[in-house]
C-alpha atoms as a PDB file:
ATOM      1  CA  MET A   1     -67.533 164.478 -19.628  1.00  0.00           C
ATOM      2  CA  LEU A   2     -67.897 164.809 -16.022  1.00  0.00           C
ATOM      3  CA  TYR A   3     -67.085 162.559 -13.142  1.00  0.00           C
ATOM      4  CA  LYS A   4     -68.596 162.527  -9.418  1.00  0.00           C
ATOM      5  CA  GLN A   5     -67.039 160.887  -6.540  1.00  0.00           C
ATOM      6  CA  ILE A   6     -69.800 159.151  -4.689  1.00  0.00           C
ATOM      7  CA  ALA A   7     -67.777 158.223  -1.748  1.00  0.00           C
ATOM      8  CA  PRO A   8     -64.149 158.375  -1.029  1.00  0.00           C
ATOM      9  CA  ILE A   9     -62.264 154.986  -0.991  1.00  0.00           C
ATOM     10  CA  ASP A  10     -60.147 153.538   1.848  1.00  0.00           C
ATOM     11  CA  ARG A  11     -56.414 155.060   1.421  1.00  0.00           C
ATOM     12  CA  THR A  12     -53.135 153.837   2.852  1.00  0.00           C
ATOM     13  CA  THR A  13     -49.919 155.553   2.798  1.00  0.00           C
ATOM     14  CA  THR A  14     -46.491 154.429   2.311  1.00  0.00           C
ATOM     15  CA  THR A  15     -42.987 155.491   1.626  1.00  0.00           C
ATOM     16  CA  GLY A  16     -40.636 154.473  -1.094  1.00  0.00           C
ATOM     17  CA  LEU A  17     -37.746 156.073  -3.478  1.00  0.00           C
ATOM     18  CA  LEU A  18     -38.574 158.732  -5.909  1.00  0.00           C
ATOM     19  CA  THR A  19     -36.851 157.516  -9.387  1.00  0.00           C
ATOM     20  CA  GLN A  20     -37.360 158.505 -12.996  1.00  0.00           C
ATOM     21  CA  ASP A  21     -37.460 156.256 -16.174  1.00  0.00           C
ATOM     22  CA  GLY A  22     -38.074 157.498 -19.629  1.00  0.00           C
ATOM     23  CA  GLY A  23     -38.520 161.202 -18.930  1.00  0.00           C
ATOM     24  CA  LYS A  24     -41.378 159.957 -16.149  1.00  0.00           C
ATOM     25  CA  TYR A  25     -41.278 160.151 -12.360  1.00  0.00           C
ATOM     26  CA  GLN A  26     -41.868 156.847 -10.596  1.00  0.00           C
ATOM     27  CA  VAL A  27     -41.660 155.844  -6.728  1.00  0.00           C
ATOM     28  CA  VAL A  28     -40.267 152.472  -5.942  1.00  0.00           C
ATOM     29  CA  ALA A  29     -42.405 151.263  -2.555  1.00  0.00           C
ATOM     30  CA  ASP A  30     -42.906 147.482  -1.292  1.00  0.00           C
ATOM     31  CA  GLY A  31     -41.539 146.090  -4.386  1.00  0.00           C
ATOM     32  CA  LYS A  32     -43.670 147.809  -6.696  1.00  0.00           C
ATOM     33  CA  THR A  33     -43.179 150.776  -9.078  1.00  0.00           C
ATOM     34  CA  TYR A  34     -46.035 153.836  -8.944  1.00  0.00           C
ATOM     35  CA  ASN A  35     -46.538 156.147 -11.211  1.00  0.00           C
ATOM     36  CA  VAL A  36     -46.426 160.047 -10.266  1.00  0.00           C
ATOM     37  CA  LEU A  37     -47.409 163.135 -11.473  1.00  0.00           C
ATOM     38  CA  THR A  38     -44.457 165.561 -12.911  1.00  0.00           C
ATOM     39  CA  ALA A  39     -46.205 168.633 -11.590  1.00  0.00           C
ATOM     40  CA  ALA A  40     -46.428 166.729  -8.035  1.00  0.00           C
ATOM     41  CA  VAL A  41     -42.800 166.341  -7.921  1.00  0.00           C
ATOM     42  CA  THR A  42     -41.810 169.768  -9.055  1.00  0.00           C
ATOM     43  CA  HIS A  43     -44.529 171.338  -6.585  1.00  0.00           C
ATOM     44  CA  PHE A  44     -42.790 169.580  -3.408  1.00  0.00           C
ATOM     45  CA  SER A  45     -39.163 170.303  -5.316  1.00  0.00           C
ATOM     46  CA  ALA A  46     -38.522 166.549  -4.893  1.00  0.00           C
ATOM     47  CA  ASN A  47     -35.366 165.035  -6.561  1.00  0.00           C
ATOM     48  CA  ILE A  48     -34.474 161.924  -8.081  1.00  0.00           C
ATOM     49  CA  GLY A  49     -33.454 159.805  -4.762  1.00  0.00           C
ATOM     50  CA  ASP A  50     -35.480 161.253  -2.482  1.00  0.00           C
ATOM     51  CA  SER A  51     -37.388 159.416   0.089  1.00  0.00           C
ATOM     52  CA  VAL A  52     -41.229 159.983  -0.200  1.00  0.00           C
ATOM     53  CA  SER A  53     -44.565 159.250   0.736  1.00  0.00           C
ATOM     54  CA  ILE A  54     -47.531 158.444  -1.375  1.00  0.00           C
ATOM     55  CA  ILE A  55     -51.105 157.703  -1.055  1.00  0.00           C
ATOM     56  CA  LEU A  56     -52.296 154.277  -2.920  1.00  0.00           C
ATOM     57  CA  PRO A  57     -55.979 153.041  -2.722  1.00  0.00           C
ATOM     58  CA  THR A  58     -56.227 150.127  -0.106  1.00  0.00           C
ATOM     59  CA  GLY A  59     -56.768 146.594  -1.132  1.00  0.00           C
ATOM     60  CA  LYS A  60     -56.697 147.858  -5.034  1.00  0.00           C
ATOM     61  CA  ASP A  61     -53.944 147.323  -7.565  1.00  0.00           C
ATOM     62  CA  ALA A  62     -52.799 150.528  -8.652  1.00  0.00           C
ATOM     63  CA  SER A  63     -50.420 151.766 -11.144  1.00  0.00           C
ATOM     64  CA  PHE A  64     -50.453 155.514  -9.856  1.00  0.00           C
ATOM     65  CA  GLY A  65     -49.886 157.085  -6.191  1.00  0.00           C
ATOM     66  CA  ALA A  66     -50.560 160.516  -5.200  1.00  0.00           C
ATOM     67  CA  LEU A  67     -47.393 162.358  -4.186  1.00  0.00           C
ATOM     68  CA  ASP A  68     -47.917 162.984  -0.492  1.00  0.00           C
ATOM     69  CA  ALA A  69     -44.608 164.640   1.229  1.00  0.00           C
ATOM     70  CA  VAL A  70     -40.933 164.476   0.644  1.00  0.00           C
ATOM     71  CA  ILE A  71     -39.097 162.900   3.971  1.00  0.00           C
ATOM     72  CA  PRO A  72     -36.129 165.087   4.760  1.00  0.00           C
ATOM     73  CA  SER A  73     -32.921 163.018   5.375  1.00  0.00           C
ATOM     74  CA  LYS A  74     -31.324 162.776   8.301  1.00  0.00           C
END
């Protein structure tokens, strides 16, 4: 089955804390928990407790976020 993207949707970027629950990586941001792909976490060499930015669809309720970057600690 193929899917075609007709038009890109509006996106917003937010920051949160990377956590792990039951072997799944999650980001807690804005009082909500978003799942992120393990492959993205390993690609960015992120660790539990890191501050990260994720991309979310604007105006929609999402359960997954796209990991965008690891924010360096000061």
